[in-house]
mmCIF file of all heavy atoms, coordinates in Angstrom:
data_MODEL
# 
_entry.id   MODEL 
# 
loop_
_atom_site.group_PDB 
_atom_site.id 
_atom_site.type_symbol 
_atom_site.label_atom_id 
_atom_site.label_alt_id 
_atom_site.label_comp_id 
_atom_site.label_asym_id 
_atom_site.label_entity_id 
_atom_site.label_seq_id 
_atom_site.pdbx_PDB_ins_code 
_atom_site.Cartn_x 
_atom_site.Cartn_y 
_atom_site.Cartn_z 
_atom_site.occupancy 
_atom_site.B_iso_or_equiv 
_atom_site.pdbx_formal_charge 
_atom_site.auth_seq_id 
_atom_site.auth_comp_id 
_atom_site.auth_asym_id 
_atom_site.auth_atom_id 
_atom_site.pdbx_PDB_model_num 
ATOM 1   N N   . LEU A 1 1  ? 134.274 129.776 -48.236 1.00 0.00 ? 1  LEU A N   1 
ATOM 2   C CA  . LEU A 1 1  ? 132.914 128.993 -48.279 1.00 0.00 ? 1  LEU A CA  1 
ATOM 3   C C   . LEU A 1 1  ? 131.897 130.024 -48.891 1.00 0.00 ? 1  LEU A C   1 
ATOM 4   O O   . LEU A 1 1  ? 131.075 129.673 -49.779 1.00 0.00 ? 1  LEU A O   1 
ATOM 5   C CB  . LEU A 1 1  ? 132.482 128.782 -46.871 1.00 0.00 ? 1  LEU A CB  1 
ATOM 6   C CG  . LEU A 1 1  ? 131.163 128.009 -46.734 1.00 0.00 ? 1  LEU A CG  1 
ATOM 7   C CD1 . LEU A 1 1  ? 131.048 126.751 -47.424 1.00 0.00 ? 1  LEU A CD1 1 
ATOM 8   C CD2 . LEU A 1 1  ? 130.874 127.792 -45.163 1.00 0.00 ? 1  LEU A CD2 1 
ATOM 9   N N   . ALA A 1 2  ? 131.854 131.277 -48.518 1.00 0.00 ? 2  ALA A N   1 
ATOM 10  C CA  . ALA A 1 2  ? 130.853 132.292 -48.940 1.00 0.00 ? 2  ALA A CA  1 
ATOM 11  C C   . ALA A 1 2  ? 130.954 132.521 -50.488 1.00 0.00 ? 2  ALA A C   1 
ATOM 12  O O   . ALA A 1 2  ? 129.960 132.768 -51.175 1.00 0.00 ? 2  ALA A O   1 
ATOM 13  C CB  . ALA A 1 2  ? 131.064 133.635 -48.188 1.00 0.00 ? 2  ALA A CB  1 
ATOM 14  N N   . ARG A 1 3  ? 132.187 132.442 -51.043 1.00 0.00 ? 3  ARG A N   1 
ATOM 15  C CA  . ARG A 1 3  ? 132.480 132.674 -52.437 1.00 0.00 ? 3  ARG A CA  1 
ATOM 16  C C   . ARG A 1 3  ? 132.262 131.479 -53.365 1.00 0.00 ? 3  ARG A C   1 
ATOM 17  O O   . ARG A 1 3  ? 132.298 131.622 -54.530 1.00 0.00 ? 3  ARG A O   1 
ATOM 18  C CB  . ARG A 1 3  ? 133.841 133.236 -52.614 1.00 0.00 ? 3  ARG A CB  1 
ATOM 19  C CG  . ARG A 1 3  ? 134.034 134.607 -52.166 1.00 0.00 ? 3  ARG A CG  1 
ATOM 20  C CD  . ARG A 1 3  ? 135.491 135.109 -52.488 1.00 0.00 ? 3  ARG A CD  1 
ATOM 21  N NE  . ARG A 1 3  ? 135.627 136.467 -51.950 1.00 0.00 ? 3  ARG A NE  1 
ATOM 22  C CZ  . ARG A 1 3  ? 136.787 136.979 -51.618 1.00 0.00 ? 3  ARG A CZ  1 
ATOM 23  N NH1 . ARG A 1 3  ? 137.946 136.226 -51.703 1.00 0.00 ? 3  ARG A NH1 1 
ATOM 24  N NH2 . ARG A 1 3  ? 136.975 138.211 -51.128 1.00 0.00 ? 3  ARG A NH2 1 
ATOM 25  N N   . LYS A 1 4  ? 131.940 130.291 -52.749 1.00 0.00 ? 4  LYS A N   1 
ATOM 26  C CA  . LYS A 1 4  ? 131.858 129.043 -53.570 1.00 0.00 ? 4  LYS A CA  1 
ATOM 27  C C   . LYS A 1 4  ? 130.614 129.284 -54.585 1.00 0.00 ? 4  LYS A C   1 
ATOM 28  O O   . LYS A 1 4  ? 129.694 129.742 -54.071 1.00 0.00 ? 4  LYS A O   1 
ATOM 29  C CB  . LYS A 1 4  ? 131.601 127.939 -52.676 1.00 0.00 ? 4  LYS A CB  1 
ATOM 30  C CG  . LYS A 1 4  ? 132.845 127.129 -52.194 1.00 0.00 ? 4  LYS A CG  1 
ATOM 31  C CD  . LYS A 1 4  ? 132.485 126.097 -51.274 1.00 0.00 ? 4  LYS A CD  1 
ATOM 32  C CE  . LYS A 1 4  ? 133.729 125.472 -50.517 1.00 0.00 ? 4  LYS A CE  1 
ATOM 33  N NZ  . LYS A 1 4  ? 134.478 124.597 -51.230 1.00 0.00 ? 4  LYS A NZ  1 
ATOM 34  N N   . PRO A 1 5  ? 130.829 128.816 -55.726 1.00 0.00 ? 5  PRO A N   1 
ATOM 35  C CA  . PRO A 1 5  ? 129.726 128.857 -56.741 1.00 0.00 ? 5  PRO A CA  1 
ATOM 36  C C   . PRO A 1 5  ? 128.822 127.522 -56.358 1.00 0.00 ? 5  PRO A C   1 
ATOM 37  O O   . PRO A 1 5  ? 129.228 126.599 -55.698 1.00 0.00 ? 5  PRO A O   1 
ATOM 38  C CB  . PRO A 1 5  ? 130.333 128.681 -58.127 1.00 0.00 ? 5  PRO A CB  1 
ATOM 39  C CG  . PRO A 1 5  ? 131.734 127.935 -57.787 1.00 0.00 ? 5  PRO A CG  1 
ATOM 40  C CD  . PRO A 1 5  ? 132.067 128.352 -56.390 1.00 0.00 ? 5  PRO A CD  1 
ATOM 41  N N   . GLY A 1 6  ? 127.663 127.573 -56.871 1.00 0.00 ? 6  GLY A N   1 
ATOM 42  C CA  . GLY A 1 6  ? 126.779 126.428 -56.819 1.00 0.00 ? 6  GLY A CA  1 
ATOM 43  C C   . GLY A 1 6  ? 125.898 126.339 -55.535 1.00 0.00 ? 6  GLY A C   1 
ATOM 44  O O   . GLY A 1 6  ? 125.414 125.222 -55.163 1.00 0.00 ? 6  GLY A O   1 
ATOM 45  N N   . TRP A 1 7  ? 125.502 127.487 -55.015 1.00 0.00 ? 7  TRP A N   1 
ATOM 46  C CA  . TRP A 1 7  ? 124.569 127.462 -53.898 1.00 0.00 ? 7  TRP A CA  1 
ATOM 47  C C   . TRP A 1 7  ? 123.214 127.357 -54.507 1.00 0.00 ? 7  TRP A C   1 
ATOM 48  O O   . TRP A 1 7  ? 122.836 127.916 -55.372 1.00 0.00 ? 7  TRP A O   1 
ATOM 49  C CB  . TRP A 1 7  ? 124.640 128.828 -53.126 1.00 0.00 ? 7  TRP A CB  1 
ATOM 50  C CG  . TRP A 1 7  ? 125.841 128.897 -52.204 1.00 0.00 ? 7  TRP A CG  1 
ATOM 51  C CD1 . TRP A 1 7  ? 127.063 129.359 -52.619 1.00 0.00 ? 7  TRP A CD1 1 
ATOM 52  C CD2 . TRP A 1 7  ? 126.022 128.371 -50.883 1.00 0.00 ? 7  TRP A CD2 1 
ATOM 53  N NE1 . TRP A 1 7  ? 127.922 129.356 -51.555 1.00 0.00 ? 7  TRP A NE1 1 
ATOM 54  C CE2 . TRP A 1 7  ? 127.335 128.736 -50.536 1.00 0.00 ? 7  TRP A CE2 1 
ATOM 55  C CE3 . TRP A 1 7  ? 125.236 127.757 -50.046 1.00 0.00 ? 7  TRP A CE3 1 
ATOM 56  C CZ2 . TRP A 1 7  ? 127.857 128.410 -49.216 1.00 0.00 ? 7  TRP A CZ2 1 
ATOM 57  C CZ3 . TRP A 1 7  ? 125.731 127.466 -48.757 1.00 0.00 ? 7  TRP A CZ3 1 
ATOM 58  C CH2 . TRP A 1 7  ? 127.023 127.719 -48.397 1.00 0.00 ? 7  TRP A CH2 1 
ATOM 59  N N   . ASP A 1 8  ? 122.401 126.381 -53.843 1.00 0.00 ? 8  ASP A N   1 
ATOM 60  C CA  . ASP A 1 8  ? 120.972 126.264 -54.270 1.00 0.00 ? 8  ASP A CA  1 
ATOM 61  C C   . ASP A 1 8  ? 120.016 126.820 -53.272 1.00 0.00 ? 8  ASP A C   1 
ATOM 62  O O   . ASP A 1 8  ? 120.145 126.526 -52.034 1.00 0.00 ? 8  ASP A O   1 
ATOM 63  C CB  . ASP A 1 8  ? 120.648 124.817 -54.428 1.00 0.00 ? 8  ASP A CB  1 
ATOM 64  C CG  . ASP A 1 8  ? 121.408 124.090 -55.466 1.00 0.00 ? 8  ASP A CG  1 
ATOM 65  O OD1 . ASP A 1 8  ? 121.645 124.730 -56.590 1.00 0.00 ? 8  ASP A OD1 1 
ATOM 66  O OD2 . ASP A 1 8  ? 122.016 123.004 -55.265 1.00 0.00 ? 8  ASP A OD2 1 
ATOM 67  N N   . ILE A 1 9  ? 119.126 127.689 -53.740 1.00 0.00 ? 9  ILE A N   1 
ATOM 68  C CA  . ILE A 1 9  ? 118.195 128.282 -52.739 1.00 0.00 ? 9  ILE A CA  1 
ATOM 69  C C   . ILE A 1 9  ? 117.079 127.104 -52.480 1.00 0.00 ? 9  ILE A C   1 
ATOM 70  O O   . ILE A 1 9  ? 116.617 126.414 -53.340 1.00 0.00 ? 9  ILE A O   1 
ATOM 71  C CB  . ILE A 1 9  ? 117.529 129.518 -53.250 1.00 0.00 ? 9  ILE A CB  1 
ATOM 72  C CG1 . ILE A 1 9  ? 116.775 130.253 -52.207 1.00 0.00 ? 9  ILE A CG1 1 
ATOM 73  C CG2 . ILE A 1 9  ? 116.636 129.322 -54.521 1.00 0.00 ? 9  ILE A CG2 1 
ATOM 74  C CD1 . ILE A 1 9  ? 116.719 131.729 -52.372 1.00 0.00 ? 9  ILE A CD1 1 
ATOM 75  N N   . THR A 1 10 ? 116.794 126.887 -51.151 1.00 0.00 ? 10 THR A N   1 
ATOM 76  C CA  . THR A 1 10 ? 115.825 125.898 -50.806 1.00 0.00 ? 10 THR A CA  1 
ATOM 77  C C   . THR A 1 10 ? 114.582 126.454 -50.240 1.00 0.00 ? 10 THR A C   1 
ATOM 78  O O   . THR A 1 10 ? 113.548 125.851 -50.113 1.00 0.00 ? 10 THR A O   1 
ATOM 79  C CB  . THR A 1 10 ? 116.441 124.897 -49.718 1.00 0.00 ? 10 THR A CB  1 
ATOM 80  O OG1 . THR A 1 10 ? 116.874 125.694 -48.659 1.00 0.00 ? 10 THR A OG1 1 
ATOM 81  C CG2 . THR A 1 10 ? 117.546 124.119 -50.295 1.00 0.00 ? 10 THR A CG2 1 
ATOM 82  N N   . LYS A 1 11 ? 114.665 127.679 -49.682 1.00 0.00 ? 11 LYS A N   1 
ATOM 83  C CA  . LYS A 1 11 ? 113.422 128.228 -49.047 1.00 0.00 ? 11 LYS A CA  1 
ATOM 84  C C   . LYS A 1 11 ? 113.501 129.807 -49.046 1.00 0.00 ? 11 LYS A C   1 
ATOM 85  O O   . LYS A 1 11 ? 114.623 130.346 -48.841 1.00 0.00 ? 11 LYS A O   1 
ATOM 86  C CB  . LYS A 1 11 ? 113.385 127.737 -47.583 1.00 0.00 ? 11 LYS A CB  1 
ATOM 87  C CG  . LYS A 1 11 ? 111.962 127.807 -47.029 1.00 0.00 ? 11 LYS A CG  1 
ATOM 88  C CD  . LYS A 1 11 ? 111.910 126.959 -45.836 1.00 0.00 ? 11 LYS A CD  1 
ATOM 89  C CE  . LYS A 1 11 ? 111.313 125.558 -46.059 1.00 0.00 ? 11 LYS A CE  1 
ATOM 90  N NZ  . LYS A 1 11 ? 111.185 124.690 -44.910 1.00 0.00 ? 11 LYS A NZ  1 
ATOM 91  N N   . THR A 1 12 ? 112.394 130.472 -49.353 1.00 0.00 ? 12 THR A N   1 
ATOM 92  C CA  . THR A 1 12 ? 112.390 131.883 -49.320 1.00 0.00 ? 12 THR A CA  1 
ATOM 93  C C   . THR A 1 12 ? 111.174 132.363 -48.465 1.00 0.00 ? 12 THR A C   1 
ATOM 94  O O   . THR A 1 12 ? 110.073 131.913 -48.700 1.00 0.00 ? 12 THR A O   1 
ATOM 95  C CB  . THR A 1 12 ? 112.234 132.440 -50.677 1.00 0.00 ? 12 THR A CB  1 
ATOM 96  O OG1 . THR A 1 12 ? 113.185 131.948 -51.580 1.00 0.00 ? 12 THR A OG1 1 
ATOM 97  C CG2 . THR A 1 12 ? 112.313 133.977 -50.710 1.00 0.00 ? 12 THR A CG2 1 
ATOM 98  N N   . LEU A 1 13 ? 111.526 133.221 -47.408 1.00 0.00 ? 13 LEU A N   1 
ATOM 99  C CA  . LEU A 1 13 ? 110.457 133.802 -46.658 1.00 0.00 ? 13 LEU A CA  1 
ATOM 100 C C   . LEU A 1 13 ? 110.483 135.375 -46.856 1.00 0.00 ? 13 LEU A C   1 
ATOM 101 O O   . LEU A 1 13 ? 111.371 135.749 -47.567 1.00 0.00 ? 13 LEU A O   1 
ATOM 102 C CB  . LEU A 1 13 ? 110.597 133.448 -45.124 1.00 0.00 ? 13 LEU A CB  1 
ATOM 103 C CG  . LEU A 1 13 ? 110.568 131.905 -44.807 1.00 0.00 ? 13 LEU A CG  1 
ATOM 104 C CD1 . LEU A 1 13 ? 111.317 131.726 -43.482 1.00 0.00 ? 13 LEU A CD1 1 
ATOM 105 C CD2 . LEU A 1 13 ? 109.209 131.417 -44.809 1.00 0.00 ? 13 LEU A CD2 1 
ATOM 106 N N   . ASP A 1 14 ? 109.800 136.012 -46.039 1.00 0.00 ? 14 ASP A N   1 
ATOM 107 C CA  . ASP A 1 14 ? 109.801 137.553 -46.248 1.00 0.00 ? 14 ASP A CA  1 
ATOM 108 C C   . ASP A 1 14 ? 111.211 138.123 -46.147 1.00 0.00 ? 14 ASP A C   1 
ATOM 109 O O   . ASP A 1 14 ? 111.797 138.774 -47.032 1.00 0.00 ? 14 ASP A O   1 
ATOM 110 C CB  . ASP A 1 14 ? 108.830 138.265 -45.265 1.00 0.00 ? 14 ASP A CB  1 
ATOM 111 C CG  . ASP A 1 14 ? 107.445 138.025 -45.711 1.00 0.00 ? 14 ASP A CG  1 
ATOM 112 O OD1 . ASP A 1 14 ? 107.085 137.549 -46.853 1.00 0.00 ? 14 ASP A OD1 1 
ATOM 113 O OD2 . ASP A 1 14 ? 106.496 138.319 -44.948 1.00 0.00 ? 14 ASP A OD2 1 
ATOM 114 N N   . ASN A 1 15 ? 111.860 137.838 -45.004 1.00 0.00 ? 15 ASN A N   1 
ATOM 115 C CA  . ASN A 1 15 ? 113.160 138.427 -44.639 1.00 0.00 ? 15 ASN A CA  1 
ATOM 116 C C   . ASN A 1 15 ? 114.237 137.314 -44.650 1.00 0.00 ? 15 ASN A C   1 
ATOM 117 O O   . ASN A 1 15 ? 115.342 137.746 -44.259 1.00 0.00 ? 15 ASN A O   1 
ATOM 118 C CB  . ASN A 1 15 ? 113.082 139.167 -43.365 1.00 0.00 ? 15 ASN A CB  1 
ATOM 119 C CG  . ASN A 1 15 ? 112.252 140.400 -43.414 1.00 0.00 ? 15 ASN A CG  1 
ATOM 120 O OD1 . ASN A 1 15 ? 111.973 140.950 -44.537 1.00 0.00 ? 15 ASN A OD1 1 
ATOM 121 N ND2 . ASN A 1 15 ? 111.461 140.634 -42.276 1.00 0.00 ? 15 ASN A ND2 1 
ATOM 122 N N   . VAL A 1 16 ? 113.845 136.131 -44.881 1.00 0.00 ? 16 VAL A N   1 
ATOM 123 C CA  . VAL A 1 16 ? 114.926 135.159 -44.825 1.00 0.00 ? 16 VAL A CA  1 
ATOM 124 C C   . VAL A 1 16 ? 114.935 134.158 -46.055 1.00 0.00 ? 16 VAL A C   1 
ATOM 125 O O   . VAL A 1 16 ? 113.934 133.801 -46.569 1.00 0.00 ? 16 VAL A O   1 
ATOM 126 C CB  . VAL A 1 16 ? 114.497 134.157 -43.588 1.00 0.00 ? 16 VAL A CB  1 
ATOM 127 C CG1 . VAL A 1 16 ? 115.563 133.013 -43.414 1.00 0.00 ? 16 VAL A CG1 1 
ATOM 128 C CG2 . VAL A 1 16 ? 114.433 134.893 -42.221 1.00 0.00 ? 16 VAL A CG2 1 
ATOM 129 N N   . LYS A 1 17 ? 116.131 133.910 -46.473 1.00 0.00 ? 17 LYS A N   1 
ATOM 130 C CA  . LYS A 1 17 ? 116.377 132.916 -47.529 1.00 0.00 ? 17 LYS A CA  1 
ATOM 131 C C   . LYS A 1 17 ? 117.322 131.893 -46.960 1.00 0.00 ? 17 LYS A C   1 
ATOM 132 O O   . LYS A 1 17 ? 118.302 132.186 -46.398 1.00 0.00 ? 17 LYS A O   1 
ATOM 133 C CB  . LYS A 1 17 ? 116.990 133.595 -48.819 1.00 0.00 ? 17 LYS A CB  1 
ATOM 134 C CG  . LYS A 1 17 ? 116.046 134.529 -49.591 1.00 0.00 ? 17 LYS A CG  1 
ATOM 135 C CD  . LYS A 1 17 ? 116.770 135.081 -50.816 1.00 0.00 ? 17 LYS A CD  1 
ATOM 136 C CE  . LYS A 1 17 ? 115.843 136.110 -51.509 1.00 0.00 ? 17 LYS A CE  1 
ATOM 137 N NZ  . LYS A 1 17 ? 116.540 137.075 -52.202 1.00 0.00 ? 17 LYS A NZ  1 
ATOM 138 N N   . ILE A 1 18 ? 117.097 130.525 -47.357 1.00 0.00 ? 18 ILE A N   1 
ATOM 139 C CA  . ILE A 1 18 ? 117.932 129.523 -47.001 1.00 0.00 ? 18 ILE A CA  1 
ATOM 140 C C   . ILE A 1 18 ? 118.588 128.873 -48.192 1.00 0.00 ? 18 ILE A C   1 
ATOM 141 O O   . ILE A 1 18 ? 117.861 128.498 -49.101 1.00 0.00 ? 18 ILE A O   1 
ATOM 142 C CB  . ILE A 1 18 ? 117.318 128.488 -46.128 1.00 0.00 ? 18 ILE A CB  1 
ATOM 143 C CG1 . ILE A 1 18 ? 116.636 129.136 -44.834 1.00 0.00 ? 18 ILE A CG1 1 
ATOM 144 C CG2 . ILE A 1 18 ? 118.086 127.299 -45.637 1.00 0.00 ? 18 ILE A CG2 1 
ATOM 145 C CD1 . ILE A 1 18 ? 115.768 128.373 -43.934 1.00 0.00 ? 18 ILE A CD1 1 
ATOM 146 N N   . TRP A 1 19 ? 119.857 128.741 -48.188 1.00 0.00 ? 19 TRP A N   1 
ATOM 147 C CA  . TRP A 1 19 ? 120.535 128.112 -49.296 1.00 0.00 ? 19 TRP A CA  1 
ATOM 148 C C   . TRP A 1 19 ? 121.348 126.899 -48.835 1.00 0.00 ? 19 TRP A C   1 
ATOM 149 O O   . TRP A 1 19 ? 121.776 126.820 -47.695 1.00 0.00 ? 19 TRP A O   1 
ATOM 150 C CB  . TRP A 1 19 ? 121.581 129.033 -49.999 1.00 0.00 ? 19 TRP A CB  1 
ATOM 151 C CG  . TRP A 1 19 ? 121.123 130.431 -50.264 1.00 0.00 ? 19 TRP A CG  1 
ATOM 152 C CD1 . TRP A 1 19 ? 120.769 131.376 -49.293 1.00 0.00 ? 19 TRP A CD1 1 
ATOM 153 C CD2 . TRP A 1 19 ? 120.938 131.017 -51.534 1.00 0.00 ? 19 TRP A CD2 1 
ATOM 154 N NE1 . TRP A 1 19 ? 120.436 132.558 -50.006 1.00 0.00 ? 19 TRP A NE1 1 
ATOM 155 C CE2 . TRP A 1 19 ? 120.532 132.383 -51.384 1.00 0.00 ? 19 TRP A CE2 1 
ATOM 156 C CE3 . TRP A 1 19 ? 121.106 130.579 -52.868 1.00 0.00 ? 19 TRP A CE3 1 
ATOM 157 C CZ2 . TRP A 1 19 ? 120.221 133.273 -52.414 1.00 0.00 ? 19 TRP A CZ2 1 
ATOM 158 C CZ3 . TRP A 1 19 ? 120.782 131.506 -53.827 1.00 0.00 ? 19 TRP A CZ3 1 
ATOM 159 C CH2 . TRP A 1 19 ? 120.381 132.766 -53.610 1.00 0.00 ? 19 TRP A CH2 1 
ATOM 160 N N   . THR A 1 20 ? 121.576 125.877 -49.740 1.00 0.00 ? 20 THR A N   1 
ATOM 161 C CA  . THR A 1 20 ? 122.421 124.723 -49.416 1.00 0.00 ? 20 THR A CA  1 
ATOM 162 C C   . THR A 1 20 ? 123.463 124.584 -50.443 1.00 0.00 ? 20 THR A C   1 
ATOM 163 O O   . THR A 1 20 ? 123.257 125.029 -51.550 1.00 0.00 ? 20 THR A O   1 
ATOM 164 C CB  . THR A 1 20 ? 121.561 123.474 -49.215 1.00 0.00 ? 20 THR A CB  1 
ATOM 165 O OG1 . THR A 1 20 ? 120.955 123.198 -50.435 1.00 0.00 ? 20 THR A OG1 1 
ATOM 166 C CG2 . THR A 1 20 ? 120.694 123.550 -47.989 1.00 0.00 ? 20 THR A CG2 1 
ATOM 167 N N   . HIS A 1 21 ? 124.493 123.973 -50.091 1.00 0.00 ? 21 HIS A N   1 
ATOM 168 C CA  . HIS A 1 21 ? 125.741 123.755 -50.938 1.00 0.00 ? 21 HIS A CA  1 
ATOM 169 C C   . HIS A 1 21 ? 126.169 122.332 -50.763 1.00 0.00 ? 21 HIS A C   1 
ATOM 170 O O   . HIS A 1 21 ? 126.618 122.003 -49.516 1.00 0.00 ? 21 HIS A O   1 
ATOM 171 C CB  . HIS A 1 21 ? 126.775 124.672 -50.732 1.00 0.00 ? 21 HIS A CB  1 
ATOM 172 C CG  . HIS A 1 21 ? 127.902 124.695 -51.844 1.00 0.00 ? 21 HIS A CG  1 
ATOM 173 N ND1 . HIS A 1 21 ? 128.855 123.667 -51.804 1.00 0.00 ? 21 HIS A ND1 1 
ATOM 174 C CD2 . HIS A 1 21 ? 128.139 125.390 -52.955 1.00 0.00 ? 21 HIS A CD2 1 
ATOM 175 C CE1 . HIS A 1 21 ? 129.690 123.795 -52.720 1.00 0.00 ? 21 HIS A CE1 1 
ATOM 176 N NE2 . HIS A 1 21 ? 129.279 124.941 -53.462 1.00 0.00 ? 21 HIS A NE2 1 
ATOM 177 N N   . GLU A 1 22 ? 126.308 121.368 -51.624 1.00 0.00 ? 22 GLU A N   1 
ATOM 178 C CA  . GLU A 1 22 ? 126.805 120.097 -51.432 1.00 0.00 ? 22 GLU A CA  1 
ATOM 179 C C   . GLU A 1 22 ? 128.002 119.898 -52.160 1.00 0.00 ? 22 GLU A C   1 
ATOM 180 O O   . GLU A 1 22 ? 128.055 120.273 -53.407 1.00 0.00 ? 22 GLU A O   1 
ATOM 181 C CB  . GLU A 1 22 ? 125.617 119.049 -51.781 1.00 0.00 ? 22 GLU A CB  1 
ATOM 182 C CG  . GLU A 1 22 ? 124.632 118.843 -50.732 1.00 0.00 ? 22 GLU A CG  1 
ATOM 183 C CD  . GLU A 1 22 ? 123.639 117.728 -51.177 1.00 0.00 ? 22 GLU A CD  1 
ATOM 184 O OE1 . GLU A 1 22 ? 124.150 116.608 -51.016 1.00 0.00 ? 22 GLU A OE1 1 
ATOM 185 O OE2 . GLU A 1 22 ? 122.544 118.074 -51.452 1.00 0.00 ? 22 GLU A OE2 1 
ATOM 186 N N   . GLU A 1 23 ? 129.078 119.341 -51.614 1.00 0.00 ? 23 GLU A N   1 
ATOM 187 C CA  . GLU A 1 23 ? 130.249 119.118 -52.253 1.00 0.00 ? 23 GLU A CA  1 
ATOM 188 C C   . GLU A 1 23 ? 130.789 117.697 -51.557 1.00 0.00 ? 23 GLU A C   1 
ATOM 189 O O   . GLU A 1 23 ? 131.241 117.781 -50.407 1.00 0.00 ? 23 GLU A O   1 
ATOM 190 C CB  . GLU A 1 23 ? 131.299 120.174 -51.959 1.00 0.00 ? 23 GLU A CB  1 
ATOM 191 C CG  . GLU A 1 23 ? 132.427 120.201 -52.908 1.00 0.00 ? 23 GLU A CG  1 
ATOM 192 C CD  . GLU A 1 23 ? 133.161 121.504 -52.792 1.00 0.00 ? 23 GLU A CD  1 
ATOM 193 O OE1 . GLU A 1 23 ? 133.018 122.302 -51.814 1.00 0.00 ? 23 GLU A OE1 1 
ATOM 194 O OE2 . GLU A 1 23 ? 134.130 121.753 -53.659 1.00 0.00 ? 23 GLU A OE2 1 
ATOM 195 N N   . GLY A 1 24 ? 130.683 116.632 -52.305 1.00 0.00 ? 24 GLY A N   1 
ATOM 196 C CA  . GLY A 1 24 ? 131.094 115.347 -51.738 1.00 0.00 ? 24 GLY A CA  1 
ATOM 197 C C   . GLY A 1 24 ? 130.255 115.071 -50.552 1.00 0.00 ? 24 GLY A C   1 
ATOM 198 O O   . GLY A 1 24 ? 129.124 115.130 -50.475 1.00 0.00 ? 24 GLY A O   1 
ATOM 199 N N   . ALA A 1 25 ? 130.951 114.823 -49.390 1.00 0.00 ? 25 ALA A N   1 
ATOM 200 C CA  . ALA A 1 25 ? 130.204 114.403 -48.151 1.00 0.00 ? 25 ALA A CA  1 
ATOM 201 C C   . ALA A 1 25 ? 129.955 115.611 -47.249 1.00 0.00 ? 25 ALA A C   1 
ATOM 202 O O   . ALA A 1 25 ? 129.413 115.536 -46.212 1.00 0.00 ? 25 ALA A O   1 
ATOM 203 C CB  . ALA A 1 25 ? 131.002 113.378 -47.465 1.00 0.00 ? 25 ALA A CB  1 
ATOM 204 N N   . VAL A 1 26 ? 130.361 116.831 -47.741 1.00 0.00 ? 26 VAL A N   1 
ATOM 205 C CA  . VAL A 1 26 ? 130.225 118.011 -47.026 1.00 0.00 ? 26 VAL A CA  1 
ATOM 206 C C   . VAL A 1 26 ? 128.946 118.846 -47.427 1.00 0.00 ? 26 VAL A C   1 
ATOM 207 O O   . VAL A 1 26 ? 128.792 119.108 -48.602 1.00 0.00 ? 26 VAL A O   1 
ATOM 208 C CB  . VAL A 1 26 ? 131.455 118.969 -47.106 1.00 0.00 ? 26 VAL A CB  1 
ATOM 209 C CG1 . VAL A 1 26 ? 131.262 120.117 -46.214 1.00 0.00 ? 26 VAL A CG1 1 
ATOM 210 C CG2 . VAL A 1 26 ? 132.775 118.129 -46.685 1.00 0.00 ? 26 VAL A CG2 1 
ATOM 211 N N   . LEU A 1 27 ? 128.080 119.061 -46.474 1.00 0.00 ? 27 LEU A N   1 
ATOM 212 C CA  . LEU A 1 27 ? 126.941 119.882 -46.744 1.00 0.00 ? 27 LEU A CA  1 
ATOM 213 C C   . LEU A 1 27 ? 127.123 121.202 -46.092 1.00 0.00 ? 27 LEU A C   1 
ATOM 214 O O   . LEU A 1 27 ? 127.394 121.284 -44.864 1.00 0.00 ? 27 LEU A O   1 
ATOM 215 C CB  . LEU A 1 27 ? 125.621 119.144 -46.191 1.00 0.00 ? 27 LEU A CB  1 
ATOM 216 C CG  . LEU A 1 27 ? 124.327 119.909 -46.301 1.00 0.00 ? 27 LEU A CG  1 
ATOM 217 C CD1 . LEU A 1 27 ? 123.810 120.026 -47.671 1.00 0.00 ? 27 LEU A CD1 1 
ATOM 218 C CD2 . LEU A 1 27 ? 123.315 119.249 -45.366 1.00 0.00 ? 27 LEU A CD2 1 
ATOM 219 N N   . SER A 1 28 ? 126.889 122.293 -46.786 1.00 0.00 ? 28 SER A N   1 
ATOM 220 C CA  . SER A 1 28 ? 126.953 123.674 -46.148 1.00 0.00 ? 28 SER A CA  1 
ATOM 221 C C   . SER A 1 28 ? 125.620 124.333 -46.216 1.00 0.00 ? 28 SER A C   1 
ATOM 222 O O   . SER A 1 28 ? 124.906 123.987 -47.312 1.00 0.00 ? 28 SER A O   1 
ATOM 223 C CB  . SER A 1 28 ? 128.028 124.455 -46.852 1.00 0.00 ? 28 SER A CB  1 
ATOM 224 O OG  . SER A 1 28 ? 129.347 123.831 -46.673 1.00 0.00 ? 28 SER A OG  1 
# 
């Protein structure tokens, strides 16, 4: 899961970044 390509960054704070990854019906 960690190595999958195609992660999209959705939010950036000082020390925190949030990424999402969609593949079919699965959201990571």
